Protein backbone atom coordinates (compact mmCIF):
# COMPACT_ATOMS: atom_id res chain seq x y z
CA MET A 1 -48.99 28.32 -29.95
CA LYS A 2 -46.08 26.49 -28.42
CA LEU A 3 -46.86 23.62 -26.14
CA PHE A 4 -43.24 23.31 -25.01
CA THR A 5 -41.00 26.39 -25.09
CA LYS A 6 -37.25 26.60 -25.55
CA GLN A 7 -36.90 27.57 -21.88
CA SER A 8 -38.74 24.41 -20.78
CA ASP A 9 -36.65 22.33 -23.19
CA TYR A 10 -33.41 23.78 -21.81
CA ALA A 11 -34.61 23.17 -18.24
CA VAL A 12 -35.39 19.52 -18.97
CA ARG A 13 -32.03 19.03 -20.70
CA ALA A 14 -30.20 20.61 -17.75
CA ILE A 15 -32.07 18.41 -15.27
CA ILE A 16 -31.29 15.30 -17.32
CA GLY A 17 -27.61 16.32 -17.36
CA LEU A 18 -27.69 16.65 -13.58
CA ALA A 19 -29.50 13.33 -13.20
CA ARG A 20 -26.71 11.62 -15.16
CA ALA A 21 -24.23 13.00 -12.59
CA ARG A 22 -25.91 10.84 -9.89
CA GLY A 23 -25.77 13.37 -7.06
CA ALA A 24 -22.42 14.97 -7.92
CA TYR A 25 -22.21 18.73 -8.15
CA ARG A 26 -21.74 20.02 -11.71
CA SER A 27 -20.71 23.48 -12.79
CA SER A 28 -23.10 25.48 -14.91
CA ARG A 29 -20.32 25.77 -17.54
CA GLU A 30 -20.09 21.97 -17.82
CA ILE A 31 -23.84 21.61 -18.13
CA ALA A 32 -24.06 24.41 -20.69
CA ARG A 33 -21.31 22.87 -22.82
CA GLU A 34 -22.59 19.28 -22.64
CA GLU A 35 -26.26 20.11 -23.14
CA ARG A 36 -25.61 22.91 -25.67
CA ILE A 37 -27.45 25.57 -23.66
CA PRO A 38 -26.28 29.20 -23.71
CA LEU A 39 -24.63 29.84 -20.32
CA PRO A 40 -26.52 33.06 -19.38
CA PHE A 41 -29.82 31.35 -20.23
CA LEU A 42 -28.84 28.26 -18.21
CA ARG A 43 -27.93 30.33 -15.15
CA ARG A 44 -31.42 31.89 -15.11
CA ILE A 45 -32.99 28.47 -15.54
CA LEU A 46 -30.95 27.01 -12.68
CA GLN A 47 -31.99 29.93 -10.46
CA THR A 48 -35.65 29.19 -11.13
CA LEU A 49 -35.12 25.47 -10.52
CA ALA A 50 -33.36 26.24 -7.22
CA GLN A 51 -36.25 28.49 -6.13
CA HIS A 52 -38.61 25.55 -6.69
CA GLY A 53 -36.42 23.02 -4.88
CA VAL A 54 -35.49 21.00 -7.97
CA VAL A 55 -31.77 21.75 -7.73
CA GLU A 56 -29.48 22.88 -4.96
CA ALA A 57 -26.31 24.92 -5.31
CA ARG A 58 -23.03 24.92 -3.43
CA GLU A 59 -20.31 27.51 -3.81
CA GLY A 60 -16.58 26.90 -3.81
CA ALA A 61 -14.02 24.86 -5.69
CA SER A 62 -16.04 21.66 -5.43
CA GLY A 63 -19.34 23.46 -5.82
CA GLY A 64 -21.92 23.69 -8.52
CA VAL A 65 -25.46 22.43 -8.74
CA ARG A 66 -27.07 19.05 -8.31
CA LEU A 67 -30.56 17.64 -8.15
CA ALA A 68 -32.26 18.24 -4.82
CA ARG A 69 -34.71 15.39 -5.41
CA PRO A 70 -34.50 12.00 -7.11
CA ALA A 71 -35.07 12.04 -10.89
CA ARG A 72 -38.12 9.79 -10.42
CA ALA A 73 -39.74 12.52 -8.29
CA ILE A 74 -39.36 15.30 -10.87
CA ARG A 75 -42.23 15.46 -13.35
CA LEU A 76 -42.36 17.18 -16.70
CA SER A 77 -45.64 18.84 -15.69
CA GLU A 78 -43.97 20.77 -12.88
CA ILE A 79 -41.08 21.93 -15.06
CA VAL A 80 -43.49 23.21 -17.72
CA THR A 81 -45.50 25.03 -15.05
CA TYR A 82 -42.37 26.69 -13.59
CA PHE A 83 -41.32 28.11 -16.96
CA GLN A 84 -44.59 28.54 -18.86
CA GLY A 85 -47.32 28.68 -16.26
CA PRO A 86 -50.34 26.40 -16.48
CA VAL A 87 -51.01 24.67 -19.79
CA GLN A 88 -53.37 26.98 -21.62
CA LEU A 89 -54.26 26.50 -25.27
CA SER A 90 -56.69 29.40 -25.40
CA GLU A 91 -57.19 32.48 -23.26
CA CYS A 92 -60.75 33.01 -24.52
CA LEU A 93 -60.05 36.65 -25.18
CA PHE A 94 -61.86 38.81 -27.68
CA GLN A 95 -60.34 42.19 -28.42
CA LYS A 96 -58.45 42.15 -25.08
CA ARG A 97 -61.65 41.55 -23.10
CA LEU A 98 -63.02 38.32 -21.75
CA CYS A 99 -65.43 36.82 -24.21
CA HIS A 100 -69.05 37.24 -23.17
CA ASN A 101 -69.69 33.60 -24.18
CA ARG A 102 -66.97 32.26 -21.89
CA ALA A 103 -69.31 30.44 -19.47
CA SER A 104 -71.37 28.69 -22.14
CA CYS A 105 -68.82 28.27 -24.94
CA VAL A 106 -68.76 24.65 -26.14
CA LEU A 107 -65.33 25.09 -27.71
CA ARG A 108 -63.86 26.41 -24.46
CA HIS A 109 -65.02 23.30 -22.60
CA ARG A 110 -63.43 21.05 -25.25
CA ILE A 111 -60.19 23.03 -25.08
CA MET A 112 -60.19 22.76 -21.29
CA ALA A 113 -60.58 18.97 -21.61
CA ILE A 114 -57.60 18.85 -23.99
CA GLU A 115 -55.55 20.99 -21.58
CA ALA A 116 -56.38 18.60 -18.73
CA LEU A 117 -55.33 15.64 -20.88
CA ILE A 118 -52.00 17.29 -21.72
CA VAL A 119 -51.34 18.02 -18.04
CA ARG A 120 -52.11 14.39 -17.11
CA GLU A 121 -49.75 13.11 -19.81
CA PHE A 122 -46.96 15.53 -18.79
CA ASP A 123 -47.52 14.44 -15.18
CA LYS A 124 -46.79 10.82 -16.15
CA ILE A 125 -43.36 11.74 -17.52
CA THR A 126 -40.53 11.82 -14.99
CA ILE A 127 -36.91 12.75 -15.52
CA ALA A 128 -35.99 9.15 -14.65
CA ALA A 129 -38.25 7.89 -17.45
CA LEU A 130 -36.66 10.30 -19.92
CA LEU A 131 -33.22 9.04 -18.90
CA ARG A 132 -34.30 5.42 -19.43
CA ASN A 133 -35.80 6.27 -22.83
CA GLY A 134 -32.64 8.14 -23.85
CA LYS A 135 -30.48 5.06 -23.31
CA HIS A 136 -32.45 3.21 -25.98
CA HIS A 137 -31.82 5.96 -28.53
CA ALA A 138 -28.09 6.35 -27.93
């Protein structure tokens, strides 16, 4: 089980790189080099982020991508959802069928409570907060 995939990690790093640019357009090549993200992977990530209104793109010599919203308005929870779907620690599957105990399973209810806690914690984390925290570790 991975709580945070490489794709989500790359997306967060790309967004942080764009947040540092303070509204300026950045090329995907620059972002890939500075954030150490493979360029083809980054381009797919940026496409997804554009579809969700996190970044906007402009073509041409002075083009590139930039954040479409302030860093304080972009939450880790939404980025995780875009790339991983809802936080789900267990699918409650038994031999590729839904478990017959699903409705009354005590473990499932505990797992769902943990999932809700994780989502709430991810929701508290904004890109702006990650930028502030990063300055202390530089």
